[in-house]
Amino acid sequence: MNKYELVKAARGKIPVDVFFKNARLVNVFSGKIEKTGVAVHKGVVVGFGNYKAKKTVDIKNRYIVPGLVEGHIHTESSMLEMGEFVKAVLPYGTTTVICDPHEIANVLGLEGITYMLQSAKYQPVDIYFTLPSTVPATDMETSGARLSAVDLMPYFSQKWVVGLGEVMNVPGVLENDREIFDKLKIAFGKAIEGHAPGLMGKDLYAYITSGVHSDHESFGKEEALEKLSAGMTIMIREGSVAKNLKTLAVLVNDKNQSRFCLVSDDRNPIDLVEKGHLDYTIRKAISLGVDPVSAIRMATINPARHFSLRNAGAVAPGYFADFIIVDNLSKFRVLNVYKRGEEVARNGKALKSRKPKPVPLRSSINVKWIMPAHFKLPAASKKVNVIELVPDELITKKRVMPVKTENGFAVSDTKNDILKIVVVERHKRTGNISQGFVKGFGLKKGALASSVGHDSHNIICVGCDDESIYQAVLAIIKSGGGLGCFQSDRQEILPLPIAGLMSDRDLSFVYKQLKHLHKASAAMGCKLDDPFMVLSFLALPVIPDLKITDKGLVDVTQNKFVKLFV
């Protein structure tokens, strides 16, 4: 970047490359809507007002808004490789993404992180990374890798690495675990992201004192307010599963809006196609009473400042010319997207995208031989601990309920919606298979299975009978990873050959196939909008109350394994 030339252009001594006239600029610094023109030279905003230019674009009294900044997302949740993810979010105005490759790192370790870094290069969206802090998330599950501070240290020197990813091992922080503190130490000076659902009081203060700066896991107003008052940046999550915006939007006001960000965490391909990305979240925030400029700040300058991205998040002199054009702030329909002053998307279509250069990856399915007998569960008593789903949340409830038995074995009870759930380890051929029960899916026949099971991504399956469960798990193994609906007479699979998490096909294919799977699951009786995303989070032993891993049933609140039969 030639600063001498930029200064000349800013002073009007030379014609700028592009001048955008007749604009209403959303100024995220002053909080005002300003009628002005925007001058861009060499991909950088150099001034406002009137400028001589090589090219002039008439905005026709529409709004110029800074390009949207996604402050926290696991792009693997889109089930798309990076080029397809970019193609999906760019038309919605997303020009910068902070990605935590926690999912693929739990499967493939450093190989997975390298794959993501390489795939993100030369895309028409700036993709930054926070390094996964907790691989594995806990020792209560079998992961495909274990990453130490020594493993991560070399990556912190890369300019695209802006912080340490969500610190999920809260007990480790509170008990001064040496391994997690080594990671906090090497990340000093960069953003350190939090993951602390329900944490309050002195334990919260201790967690923040360790160096954690933010949290995206606040489910209640009181919890979020305490974290805010203690100095945390509150990332309000509106994802495909966890939706916290409706609860937390009321906390945002003119005095504290700078301490909030709007983030996705996860975004499945159906939501990307049908709802959008951060543009949808901004619309929803405004509909919930958040001031439009504040909502825009929460998805632009606030996350940019949080991650010290000094050239992103605003339309102002010295900032990259990354901005979008909208005709109405409340409806927030993105018409055009500009990256470095060049139009890259128009009317919902990306004009530029780049398929990443192929990066070789090994197979990620390594399962010890399984047989139908492995899925039989002798009934040790008449009652069991049951995982009960909570609508639109990642948290679950722990219930004790009667279990149905047949010939001395505990089986699914479709009448009372208490279904068997199993987790099969897929990384190291340990032979681990755990079994439990879940309430809330509503399935009446067949089984649903997935190689996406946060965070270690073992194979997870819920079903109405043992044979369907066995066949479903077997099909996922044979396909090299994926999602599937299985009945005695047919099966439907979306293959996910990239680490068992992502497809190698385009967005259109993944979207259509996932819609087909949702339709098939509904025909099987499932009452969830996105059963596979819900299923994937039931193996996550860091979000309360009751979860299941390949090692057994986990009471997250007590941070210990519990017996299935009570």
Protein backbone atom coordinates (compact mmCIF):
# COMPACT_ATOMS: atom_id res chain seq x y z
CA MET A 1 0.00 0.00 0.00
CA ASN A 2 1.57 3.26 -1.19
CA LYS A 3 0.77 5.71 1.60
CA TYR A 4 2.29 8.63 -0.33
CA GLU A 5 -0.18 8.12 -3.16
CA LEU A 6 -3.08 7.65 -0.75
CA VAL A 7 -2.30 10.95 0.97
CA LYS A 8 -2.22 12.73 -2.40
CA ALA A 9 -5.57 11.18 -3.31
CA ALA A 10 -7.07 12.14 0.06
CA ARG A 11 -5.99 15.77 -0.46
CA GLY A 12 -7.51 15.81 -3.94
CA LYS A 13 -4.15 16.28 -5.64
CA ILE A 14 -4.78 13.31 -7.94
CA PRO A 15 -8.03 11.72 -9.16
CA VAL A 16 -9.24 8.87 -6.96
CA ASP A 17 -10.03 5.48 -8.49
CA VAL A 18 -13.75 5.50 -7.63
CA PHE A 19 -16.11 8.11 -6.20
CA PHE A 20 -19.45 6.99 -4.77
CA LYS A 21 -21.82 9.96 -4.95
CA ASN A 22 -25.27 10.69 -3.53
CA ALA A 23 -24.84 8.34 -0.59
CA ARG A 24 -26.30 8.23 2.88
CA LEU A 25 -23.34 7.03 4.94
CA VAL A 26 -23.91 5.12 8.16
CA ASN A 27 -21.10 6.52 10.27
CA VAL A 28 -20.40 3.99 13.04
CA PHE A 29 -18.20 6.52 14.86
CA SER A 30 -20.59 9.47 15.11
CA GLY A 31 -23.70 7.31 15.07
CA LYS A 32 -25.20 9.58 12.43
CA ILE A 33 -26.51 9.10 8.90
CA GLU A 34 -24.58 11.56 6.73
CA LYS A 35 -25.42 12.64 3.19
CA THR A 36 -22.07 12.67 1.42
CA GLY A 37 -19.84 11.06 -1.16
CA VAL A 38 -17.14 8.45 -0.49
CA ALA A 39 -13.79 8.51 -2.26
CA VAL A 40 -11.86 5.27 -2.75
CA HIS A 41 -8.31 4.87 -3.98
CA LYS A 42 -6.29 1.66 -4.25
CA GLY A 43 -8.95 -0.18 -2.27
CA VAL A 44 -8.90 2.30 0.65
CA VAL A 45 -11.38 4.98 1.68
CA VAL A 46 -9.53 8.29 1.45
CA GLY A 47 -12.22 10.92 2.08
CA PHE A 48 -15.78 12.28 2.07
CA GLY A 49 -17.42 15.08 0.11
CA ASN A 50 -16.57 15.77 -3.52
CA TYR A 51 -13.61 14.30 -5.42
CA LYS A 52 -12.45 14.07 -9.01
CA ALA A 53 -12.40 10.41 -9.97
CA LYS A 54 -11.55 8.02 -12.77
CA LYS A 55 -14.92 6.37 -12.18
CA THR A 56 -18.09 7.59 -10.48
CA VAL A 57 -20.85 5.39 -9.05
CA ASP A 58 -24.22 6.95 -8.22
CA ILE A 59 -25.61 5.40 -5.02
CA LYS A 60 -28.95 7.16 -5.65
CA ASN A 61 -29.56 8.18 -2.05
CA ARG A 62 -29.17 4.65 -0.73
CA TYR A 63 -27.20 3.76 2.39
CA ILE A 64 -23.52 2.90 2.49
CA VAL A 65 -22.90 0.54 5.41
CA PRO A 66 -19.56 -0.96 6.49
CA GLY A 67 -18.97 -4.53 5.36
CA LEU A 68 -20.24 -6.94 7.98
CA VAL A 69 -17.77 -8.62 10.33
CA GLU A 70 -18.56 -12.10 11.67
CA GLY A 71 -16.95 -12.21 15.11
CA HIS A 72 -17.32 -15.89 15.91
CA ILE A 73 -18.19 -18.82 13.68
CA HIS A 74 -17.14 -22.38 13.05
CA THR A 75 -17.43 -22.43 9.27
CA GLU A 76 -17.46 -26.23 9.35
CA SER A 77 -21.06 -25.92 10.63
CA SER A 78 -22.07 -24.79 7.13
CA MET A 79 -20.88 -28.20 5.84
CA LEU A 80 -19.17 -26.27 3.03
CA GLU A 81 -15.51 -26.01 2.13
CA MET A 82 -14.19 -22.48 2.47
CA GLY A 83 -14.72 -21.30 -1.09
CA GLU A 84 -18.37 -22.33 -1.03
CA PHE A 85 -18.88 -20.76 2.39
CA VAL A 86 -17.50 -17.47 1.07
CA LYS A 87 -19.77 -17.68 -1.97
CA ALA A 88 -22.70 -18.19 0.39
CA VAL A 89 -22.09 -15.28 2.81
CA LEU A 90 -20.58 -12.64 0.50
CA PRO A 91 -23.89 -11.63 -1.16
CA TYR A 92 -25.34 -10.97 2.32
CA GLY A 93 -22.70 -8.33 2.98
CA THR A 94 -20.16 -10.31 5.00
CA THR A 95 -16.69 -9.09 4.08
CA THR A 96 -14.69 -10.23 7.13
CA VAL A 97 -14.91 -13.46 9.13
CA ILE A 98 -13.23 -14.59 12.33
CA CYS A 99 -13.25 -18.38 12.18
CA ASP A 100 -12.48 -20.83 14.96
CA PRO A 101 -11.46 -24.12 13.25
CA HIS A 102 -12.15 -25.98 16.47
CA GLU A 103 -14.25 -28.66 14.76
CA ILE A 104 -11.77 -29.87 12.17
CA ALA A 105 -8.92 -29.55 14.67
CA ASN A 106 -10.67 -32.05 16.94
CA VAL A 107 -10.69 -34.50 14.04
CA LEU A 108 -7.41 -33.86 12.23
CA GLY A 109 -5.34 -31.71 14.60
CA LEU A 110 -2.73 -29.42 13.04
CA GLU A 111 -3.43 -30.96 9.65
CA GLY A 112 -6.98 -29.65 9.91
CA ILE A 113 -5.89 -26.15 10.97
CA THR A 114 -3.40 -25.98 8.09
CA TYR A 115 -6.13 -27.08 5.69
CA MET A 116 -8.38 -24.23 6.83
CA LEU A 117 -5.63 -21.62 6.67
CA GLN A 118 -4.68 -22.68 3.15
CA SER A 119 -8.31 -22.81 2.00
CA ALA A 120 -8.91 -19.26 3.23
CA LYS A 121 -6.18 -17.70 1.10
CA TYR A 122 -7.05 -15.28 -1.71
CA GLN A 123 -10.78 -15.33 -1.05
CA PRO A 124 -12.95 -12.22 -1.69
CA VAL A 125 -13.69 -12.22 2.06
CA ASP A 126 -10.97 -11.59 4.66
CA ILE A 127 -10.85 -14.70 6.84
CA TYR A 128 -9.03 -14.50 10.16
CA PHE A 129 -8.60 -17.27 12.70
CA THR A 130 -8.57 -17.87 16.40
CA LEU A 131 -6.60 -20.99 17.28
CA PRO A 132 -8.53 -23.77 19.02
CA SER A 133 -7.69 -23.63 22.70
CA THR A 134 -9.27 -26.87 23.79
CA VAL A 135 -8.48 -29.90 21.65
CA PRO A 136 -9.93 -32.05 23.01
CA ALA A 137 -12.61 -30.00 24.73
CA THR A 138 -12.40 -32.35 27.71
CA ASP A 139 -10.97 -35.75 28.53
CA MET A 140 -14.52 -37.06 28.79
CA GLU A 141 -14.52 -37.95 25.09
CA THR A 142 -12.12 -39.40 22.55
CA SER A 143 -10.83 -36.81 20.10
CA GLY A 144 -8.86 -37.25 16.91
CA ALA A 145 -6.07 -35.02 18.22
CA ARG A 146 -4.54 -33.32 21.24
CA LEU A 147 -2.99 -29.88 20.73
CA SER A 148 -0.61 -28.34 23.23
CA ALA A 149 0.68 -24.79 23.54
CA VAL A 150 3.87 -25.91 21.80
CA ASP A 151 1.79 -27.17 18.85
CA LEU A 152 -0.07 -23.86 18.53
CA MET A 153 2.80 -21.44 19.16
CA PRO A 154 4.18 -21.25 15.58
CA TYR A 155 0.76 -20.30 14.20
CA PHE A 156 0.48 -17.16 16.34
CA SER A 157 3.11 -15.46 14.18
CA GLN A 158 0.82 -15.60 11.14
CA LYS A 159 -0.99 -12.34 10.40
CA TRP A 160 -4.32 -14.09 9.85
CA VAL A 161 -4.29 -15.50 13.40
CA VAL A 162 -5.90 -12.92 15.69
CA GLY A 163 -6.46 -14.78 18.92
CA LEU A 164 -7.04 -17.89 20.99
CA GLY A 165 -10.34 -19.63 20.38
CA GLU A 166 -13.07 -20.17 22.94
CA VAL A 167 -11.64 -21.44 26.22
CA MET A 168 -14.09 -24.25 26.92
CA ASN A 169 -12.21 -25.94 29.74
CA VAL A 170 -13.60 -23.70 32.48
CA PRO A 171 -12.77 -26.20 35.27
CA GLY A 172 -9.19 -26.30 33.99
CA VAL A 173 -8.92 -22.53 34.23
CA LEU A 174 -10.41 -22.43 37.72
CA GLU A 175 -8.14 -25.24 38.94
CA ASN A 176 -4.98 -23.68 37.39
CA ASP A 177 -4.46 -26.45 34.85
CA ARG A 178 -0.92 -26.02 33.49
CA GLU A 179 -1.80 -27.00 29.92
CA ILE A 180 -4.55 -24.40 29.51
CA PHE A 181 -2.50 -21.69 31.23
CA ASP A 182 0.38 -22.31 28.81
CA LYS A 183 -2.02 -21.54 25.96
CA LEU A 184 -3.30 -18.41 27.67
CA LYS A 185 0.30 -17.29 28.10
CA ILE A 186 1.32 -17.65 24.45
CA ALA A 187 -1.85 -15.81 23.36
CA PHE A 188 -1.08 -12.77 25.51
CA GLY A 189 -1.60 -9.57 23.54
CA LYS A 190 -4.21 -11.14 21.25
CA ALA A 191 -7.91 -11.70 21.77
CA ILE A 192 -8.78 -14.63 24.03
CA GLU A 193 -12.29 -15.92 23.49
CA GLY A 194 -14.53 -17.36 26.18
CA HIS A 195 -17.04 -20.16 26.49
CA ALA A 196 -18.63 -20.09 29.93
CA PRO A 197 -22.36 -20.88 30.01
CA GLY A 198 -23.91 -20.12 33.38
CA LEU A 199 -20.66 -18.95 34.96
CA MET A 200 -21.21 -16.19 37.54
CA GLY A 201 -19.82 -14.80 40.78
CA LYS A 202 -16.25 -15.37 41.92
CA ASP A 203 -15.68 -18.20 39.44
CA LEU A 204 -16.56 -15.77 36.64
CA TYR A 205 -14.14 -13.19 38.03
CA ALA A 206 -11.40 -15.83 38.20
CA TYR A 207 -12.11 -16.88 34.62
CA ILE A 208 -11.85 -13.28 33.37
CA THR A 209 -8.73 -12.67 35.47
CA SER A 210 -7.02 -15.52 33.63
CA GLY A 211 -7.16 -13.37 30.48
CA VAL A 212 -10.45 -14.28 28.77
CA HIS A 213 -12.02 -11.28 27.01
CA SER A 214 -15.42 -12.34 25.66
CA ASP A 215 -18.26 -14.84 25.87
CA HIS A 216 -20.91 -16.03 23.41
CA GLU A 217 -22.61 -18.56 25.70
CA SER A 218 -24.90 -16.34 27.77
CA PHE A 219 -28.39 -17.81 27.87
CA GLY A 220 -30.00 -15.42 30.38
CA LYS A 221 -30.12 -11.66 30.94
CA GLU A 222 -28.76 -11.77 34.48
CA GLU A 223 -25.79 -13.87 33.42
CA ALA A 224 -24.99 -11.65 30.42
CA LEU A 225 -25.31 -8.47 32.47
CA GLU A 226 -22.91 -9.74 35.11
CA LYS A 227 -20.37 -10.68 32.44
CA LEU A 228 -20.81 -7.28 30.80
CA SER A 229 -20.33 -5.46 34.12
CA ALA A 230 -17.18 -7.48 34.76
CA GLY A 231 -15.63 -6.24 31.52
CA MET A 232 -16.42 -8.95 28.98
CA THR A 233 -17.44 -8.32 25.40
CA ILE A 234 -20.84 -10.00 25.06
CA MET A 235 -21.20 -11.80 21.76
CA ILE A 236 -24.91 -12.29 21.21
CA ARG A 237 -25.32 -15.52 19.34
CA GLU A 238 -28.03 -16.09 16.77
CA GLY A 239 -27.15 -19.39 15.16
CA SER A 240 -28.99 -22.25 13.57
CA VAL A 241 -29.47 -24.01 16.92
CA ALA A 242 -28.72 -21.59 19.77
CA LYS A 243 -30.70 -18.37 19.44
CA ASN A 244 -30.00 -15.89 22.24
CA LEU A 245 -30.84 -12.58 20.54
CA LYS A 246 -34.48 -12.43 21.61
CA THR A 247 -33.46 -12.79 25.26
CA LEU A 248 -30.43 -10.51 25.27
CA ALA A 249 -31.37 -7.71 22.85
CA VAL A 250 -33.11 -5.81 25.65
CA LEU A 251 -29.74 -5.29 27.35
CA VAL A 252 -28.35 -3.16 24.51
CA ASN A 253 -28.54 0.62 24.91
CA ASP A 254 -26.68 3.73 23.73
CA LYS A 255 -24.32 3.63 26.69
CA ASN A 256 -23.16 0.02 26.38
CA GLN A 257 -23.69 -0.96 22.73
CA SER A 258 -19.94 -0.88 22.07
CA ARG A 259 -19.56 -3.94 24.35
CA PHE A 260 -21.85 -6.16 22.24
CA CYS A 261 -21.27 -8.09 19.03
CA LEU A 262 -23.67 -10.08 16.87
CA VAL A 263 -22.26 -13.51 15.99
CA SER A 264 -23.44 -16.80 14.49
CA ASP A 265 -21.32 -19.52 16.11
CA ASP A 266 -22.91 -22.01 13.71
CA ARG A 267 -24.87 -21.51 10.48
CA ASN A 268 -26.24 -24.41 8.49
CA PRO A 269 -26.64 -24.28 4.69
CA ILE A 270 -30.44 -24.09 4.85
CA ASP A 271 -30.36 -20.96 6.99
CA LEU A 272 -27.66 -19.48 4.76
CA VAL A 273 -29.83 -19.90 1.67
CA GLU A 274 -33.23 -19.09 3.15
CA LYS A 275 -32.47 -16.48 5.83
CA GLY A 276 -29.01 -15.08 5.20
CA HIS A 277 -26.10 -14.46 7.51
CA LEU A 278 -25.40 -11.40 9.67
CA ASP A 279 -27.84 -9.36 7.59
CA TYR A 280 -30.62 -11.57 8.96
CA THR A 281 -29.33 -11.10 12.52
CA ILE A 282 -29.27 -7.31 12.08
CA ARG A 283 -32.85 -7.34 10.78
CA LYS A 284 -33.94 -9.41 13.75
CA ALA A 285 -32.12 -7.17 16.23
CA ILE A 286 -33.84 -4.11 14.78
CA SER A 287 -37.23 -5.86 14.93
CA LEU A 288 -36.56 -6.53 18.64
CA GLY A 289 -36.07 -2.83 19.31
CA VAL A 290 -32.33 -2.35 18.87
CA ASP A 291 -31.49 0.98 17.24
CA PRO A 292 -30.51 0.32 13.58
CA VAL A 293 -27.13 2.07 13.85
CA SER A 294 -26.36 0.20 17.08
CA ALA A 295 -27.28 -3.11 15.42
CA ILE A 296 -24.94 -2.27 12.53
CA ARG A 297 -22.15 -1.33 14.94
CA MET A 298 -22.55 -4.70 16.67
CA ALA A 299 -21.79 -6.46 13.38
CA THR A 300 -19.08 -4.11 12.09
CA ILE A 301 -16.88 -1.83 14.17
CA ASN A 302 -17.42 -3.64 17.50
CA PRO A 303 -16.05 -7.04 16.42
CA ALA A 304 -13.35 -5.34 14.35
CA ARG A 305 -12.13 -3.42 17.40
CA HIS A 306 -12.40 -6.49 19.61
CA PHE A 307 -9.97 -8.33 17.34
CA SER A 308 -7.81 -5.25 16.67
CA LEU A 309 -8.61 -5.19 12.96
CA ARG A 310 -7.68 -1.57 12.43
CA ASN A 311 -8.72 -1.32 8.78
CA ALA A 312 -12.10 -3.08 9.01
CA GLY A 313 -15.54 -2.35 10.39
CA ALA A 314 -16.06 1.24 9.25
CA VAL A 315 -16.29 3.45 6.18
CA ALA A 316 -13.77 6.16 7.03
CA PRO A 317 -10.43 7.51 5.80
CA GLY A 318 -7.68 4.89 6.07
CA TYR A 319 -10.11 1.96 6.29
CA PHE A 320 -10.41 -0.70 3.62
CA ALA A 321 -13.18 0.11 1.15
CA ASP A 322 -15.30 -2.83 2.26
CA PHE A 323 -18.93 -1.77 2.32
CA ILE A 324 -22.43 -2.66 1.29
CA ILE A 325 -25.36 -0.79 -0.23
CA VAL A 326 -28.85 -1.11 1.30
CA ASP A 327 -32.02 0.80 0.44
CA ASN A 328 -33.71 0.61 3.84
CA LEU A 329 -31.99 0.20 7.22
CA SER A 330 -34.87 -1.58 8.93
CA LYS A 331 -35.43 -4.11 6.16
CA PHE A 332 -31.66 -4.27 5.59
CA ARG A 333 -31.75 -5.89 2.16
CA VAL A 334 -28.22 -5.97 0.74
CA LEU A 335 -28.14 -4.76 -2.87
CA ASN A 336 -24.42 -4.51 -3.59
CA VAL A 337 -21.24 -5.60 -1.86
CA TYR A 338 -17.88 -3.90 -2.39
CA LYS A 339 -14.53 -5.32 -1.37
CA ARG A 340 -11.55 -2.97 -1.57
CA GLY A 341 -13.74 -0.72 -3.65
CA GLU A 342 -14.58 -3.37 -6.23
CA GLU A 343 -18.10 -4.77 -6.59
CA VAL A 344 -18.04 -8.44 -5.62
CA ALA A 345 -21.75 -9.24 -5.19
CA ARG A 346 -24.99 -7.87 -6.58
CA ASN A 347 -28.63 -8.66 -5.83
CA GLY A 348 -27.87 -11.83 -3.90
CA LYS A 349 -25.26 -13.26 -6.25
CA ALA A 350 -21.50 -13.40 -5.77
CA LEU A 351 -19.62 -11.94 -8.74
CA LYS A 352 -16.33 -13.34 -7.49
CA SER A 353 -15.39 -16.51 -5.70
CA ARG A 354 -12.42 -18.82 -5.61
CA LYS A 355 -12.31 -22.55 -5.10
CA PRO A 356 -9.38 -23.23 -2.78
CA LYS A 357 -6.40 -25.09 -4.12
CA PRO A 358 -6.85 -28.76 -3.13
CA VAL A 359 -5.15 -29.56 0.18
CA PRO A 360 -4.69 -33.32 0.72
CA LEU A 361 -6.42 -34.72 3.80
CA ARG A 362 -6.39 -38.23 5.22
CA SER A 363 -9.50 -40.28 5.89
CA SER A 364 -11.13 -39.45 9.21
CA ILE A 365 -13.22 -42.61 9.78
CA ASN A 366 -11.32 -45.21 11.78
CA VAL A 367 -13.84 -47.43 13.58
CA LYS A 368 -13.30 -50.81 15.17
CA TRP A 369 -15.47 -53.57 13.68
CA ILE A 370 -19.07 -53.26 14.86
CA MET A 371 -21.84 -55.86 15.09
CA PRO A 372 -25.57 -55.70 15.96
CA ALA A 373 -24.86 -57.15 19.41
CA HIS A 374 -22.84 -54.03 20.27
CA PHE A 375 -26.08 -52.03 20.28
CA LYS A 376 -28.00 -54.23 22.71
CA LEU A 377 -28.41 -52.67 26.15
CA PRO A 378 -29.20 -55.00 29.10
CA ALA A 379 -31.70 -53.34 31.45
CA ALA A 380 -30.06 -52.88 34.85
CA SER A 381 -33.10 -51.16 36.41
CA LYS A 382 -36.50 -49.71 35.57
CA LYS A 383 -35.40 -46.06 35.38
CA VAL A 384 -32.72 -44.16 33.48
CA ASN A 385 -31.16 -40.71 33.27
CA VAL A 386 -32.65 -39.10 30.17
CA ILE A 387 -31.35 -36.17 28.10
CA GLU A 388 -34.27 -33.81 27.53
CA LEU A 389 -34.01 -31.26 24.73
CA VAL A 390 -34.64 -27.56 25.36
CA PRO A 391 -36.13 -25.85 22.26
CA ASP A 392 -33.75 -23.43 20.47
CA GLU A 393 -30.98 -23.97 23.02
CA LEU A 394 -27.80 -26.02 23.31
CA ILE A 395 -28.45 -26.70 26.97
CA THR A 396 -30.42 -29.81 27.92
CA LYS A 397 -32.21 -30.98 31.05
CA LYS A 398 -31.40 -34.04 33.13
CA ARG A 399 -34.48 -36.16 33.80
CA VAL A 400 -35.06 -39.52 35.49
CA MET A 401 -37.71 -41.51 33.61
CA PRO A 402 -39.00 -45.08 33.29
CA VAL A 403 -37.32 -47.13 30.57
CA LYS A 404 -39.07 -49.52 28.21
CA THR A 405 -37.69 -53.07 28.18
CA GLU A 406 -38.05 -56.04 25.85
CA ASN A 407 -36.62 -59.47 26.67
CA GLY A 408 -34.41 -57.97 29.35
CA PHE A 409 -33.01 -55.18 27.12
CA ALA A 410 -33.64 -51.42 27.38
CA VAL A 411 -35.12 -50.14 24.13
CA SER A 412 -36.57 -47.01 22.57
CA ASP A 413 -40.04 -45.95 23.67
CA THR A 414 -41.60 -44.13 20.71
CA LYS A 415 -44.94 -43.71 22.49
CA ASN A 416 -43.35 -41.53 25.17
CA ASP A 417 -40.66 -40.12 22.86
CA ILE A 418 -37.78 -41.62 24.86
CA LEU A 419 -35.36 -42.83 22.20
CA LYS A 420 -32.05 -44.63 22.37
CA ILE A 421 -29.00 -42.54 21.49
CA VAL A 422 -25.54 -43.97 20.84
CA VAL A 423 -22.06 -42.54 20.27
CA VAL A 424 -19.45 -44.59 18.38
CA GLU A 425 -15.78 -43.52 18.56
CA ARG A 426 -14.37 -42.95 15.05
CA HIS A 427 -10.78 -41.76 15.42
CA LYS A 428 -8.59 -44.37 17.09
CA ARG A 429 -10.43 -47.71 16.83
CA THR A 430 -10.93 -47.83 20.60
CA GLY A 431 -14.18 -49.73 20.20
CA ASN A 432 -15.94 -47.26 22.52
CA ILE A 433 -19.72 -47.34 22.11
CA SER A 434 -21.86 -45.56 24.69
CA GLN A 435 -25.63 -45.70 24.94
CA GLY A 436 -28.26 -43.47 26.53
CA PHE A 437 -31.75 -42.07 26.05
CA VAL A 438 -33.04 -38.73 24.77
CA LYS A 439 -36.45 -37.07 24.80
CA GLY A 440 -37.61 -34.49 22.27
CA PHE A 441 -36.91 -35.86 18.77
CA GLY A 442 -40.34 -37.37 18.20
CA LEU A 443 -39.13 -40.07 15.79
CA LYS A 444 -41.62 -42.88 15.21
CA LYS A 445 -39.48 -45.12 13.00
CA GLY A 446 -35.94 -45.59 11.71
CA ALA A 447 -32.84 -43.70 12.84
CA LEU A 448 -30.85 -40.51 12.24
CA ALA A 449 -27.05 -40.65 12.26
CA SER A 450 -24.18 -38.20 11.80
CA SER A 451 -20.39 -38.02 11.86
CA VAL A 452 -20.81 -34.43 13.09
CA GLY A 453 -20.92 -34.64 16.90
CA HIS A 454 -19.46 -31.69 18.76
CA ASP A 455 -16.75 -31.37 19.70
CA SER A 456 -14.79 -34.54 19.02
CA HIS A 457 -17.12 -35.52 16.17
CA ASN A 458 -17.58 -39.17 16.87
CA ILE A 459 -20.52 -40.84 15.16
CA ILE A 460 -23.80 -40.10 16.94
CA CYS A 461 -27.13 -41.76 16.24
CA VAL A 462 -30.68 -41.64 17.60
CA GLY A 463 -33.19 -44.28 16.62
CA CYS A 464 -36.38 -46.19 17.28
CA ASP A 465 -34.93 -49.70 17.26
CA ASP A 466 -31.54 -51.35 17.64
CA GLU A 467 -31.36 -52.71 14.08
CA SER A 468 -32.02 -49.28 12.53
CA ILE A 469 -29.36 -47.76 14.79
CA TYR A 470 -26.81 -50.40 13.76
CA GLN A 471 -27.55 -49.99 10.04
CA ALA A 472 -27.40 -46.20 10.32
CA VAL A 473 -23.99 -46.20 12.00
CA LEU A 474 -22.69 -48.73 9.49
CA ALA A 475 -23.84 -46.59 6.54
CA ILE A 476 -22.08 -43.50 7.92
CA ILE A 477 -18.85 -45.51 8.28
CA LYS A 478 -19.10 -46.84 4.72
CA SER A 479 -19.75 -43.38 3.28
CA GLY A 480 -16.63 -41.92 4.93
CA GLY A 481 -18.71 -39.56 7.04
CA GLY A 482 -21.98 -37.74 6.57
CA LEU A 483 -25.55 -37.26 7.71
CA GLY A 484 -28.31 -39.76 7.08
CA CYS A 485 -31.89 -40.92 7.58
CA PHE A 486 -32.34 -44.67 7.73
CA GLN A 487 -35.34 -46.96 7.59
CA SER A 488 -35.61 -50.66 6.94
CA ASP A 489 -36.45 -50.17 3.27
CA ARG A 490 -34.31 -47.16 2.34
CA GLN A 491 -31.58 -44.74 3.33
CA GLU A 492 -30.74 -41.14 2.43
CA ILE A 493 -27.20 -39.77 2.97
CA LEU A 494 -25.43 -36.43 2.56
CA PRO A 495 -21.76 -37.46 2.26
CA LEU A 496 -19.25 -35.30 4.17
CA PRO A 497 -15.86 -36.58 3.02
CA ILE A 498 -13.83 -33.63 4.37
CA ALA A 499 -13.06 -34.72 7.95
CA GLY A 500 -16.57 -36.14 8.22
CA LEU A 501 -17.69 -32.51 8.59
CA MET A 502 -17.82 -30.85 5.19
CA SER A 503 -18.95 -31.63 1.67
CA ASP A 504 -16.80 -31.31 -1.43
CA ARG A 505 -19.88 -30.26 -3.43
CA ASP A 506 -21.35 -26.81 -4.01
CA LEU A 507 -23.86 -24.96 -1.82
CA SER A 508 -26.79 -25.80 -4.08
CA PHE A 509 -26.19 -29.55 -3.76
CA VAL A 510 -25.66 -29.46 0.00
CA TYR A 511 -28.73 -27.28 0.50
CA LYS A 512 -31.00 -29.51 -1.58
CA GLN A 513 -29.73 -32.72 -0.02
CA LEU A 514 -30.05 -31.39 3.52
CA LYS A 515 -33.59 -30.19 2.77
CA HIS A 516 -34.34 -33.68 1.50
CA LEU A 517 -32.99 -35.19 4.72
CA HIS A 518 -35.11 -32.82 6.82
CA LYS A 519 -38.18 -33.80 4.82
CA ALA A 520 -37.34 -37.48 5.25
CA SER A 521 -36.80 -37.08 9.00
CA ALA A 522 -40.15 -35.28 9.32
CA ALA A 523 -41.82 -38.16 7.50
CA MET A 524 -40.27 -40.44 10.13
CA GLY A 525 -42.00 -38.41 12.83
CA CYS A 526 -39.21 -36.02 13.84
CA LYS A 527 -40.57 -32.72 15.14
CA LEU A 528 -37.34 -30.68 15.04
CA ASP A 529 -36.59 -28.12 12.34
CA ASP A 530 -32.92 -29.12 12.19
CA PRO A 531 -32.56 -32.54 13.83
CA PHE A 532 -28.98 -33.10 12.69
CA MET A 533 -27.69 -29.87 14.21
CA VAL A 534 -29.49 -30.68 17.47
CA LEU A 535 -28.15 -34.24 17.41
CA SER A 536 -24.60 -33.00 16.89
CA PHE A 537 -24.62 -30.94 20.09
CA LEU A 538 -25.83 -33.76 22.33
CA ALA A 539 -22.25 -35.06 22.44
CA LEU A 540 -20.84 -31.74 23.69
CA PRO A 541 -19.83 -32.27 27.34
CA VAL A 542 -19.16 -28.61 28.13
CA ILE A 543 -22.71 -27.25 27.92
CA PRO A 544 -25.18 -28.24 30.69
CA ASP A 545 -26.95 -30.29 31.83
CA LEU A 546 -26.68 -33.85 30.51
CA LYS A 547 -24.71 -34.96 27.43
CA ILE A 548 -23.34 -38.21 26.02
CA THR A 549 -19.87 -39.00 24.63
CA ASP A 550 -18.21 -42.20 23.46
CA LYS A 551 -17.09 -42.72 27.07
CA GLY A 552 -20.52 -42.41 28.67
CA LEU A 553 -23.17 -40.11 30.09
CA VAL A 554 -21.83 -36.77 31.38
CA ASP A 555 -23.40 -34.53 34.01
CA VAL A 556 -21.84 -31.28 32.82
CA THR A 557 -22.83 -29.28 35.90
CA GLN A 558 -20.98 -31.71 38.15
CA ASN A 559 -18.24 -32.32 35.55
CA LYS A 560 -18.41 -36.09 35.99
CA PHE A 561 -19.75 -39.27 34.42
CA VAL A 562 -23.05 -40.56 35.74
CA LYS A 563 -24.66 -43.96 35.45
CA LEU A 564 -27.36 -44.47 32.85
CA PHE A 565 -29.53 -46.66 35.08
CA VAL A 566 -30.73 -45.26 38.41
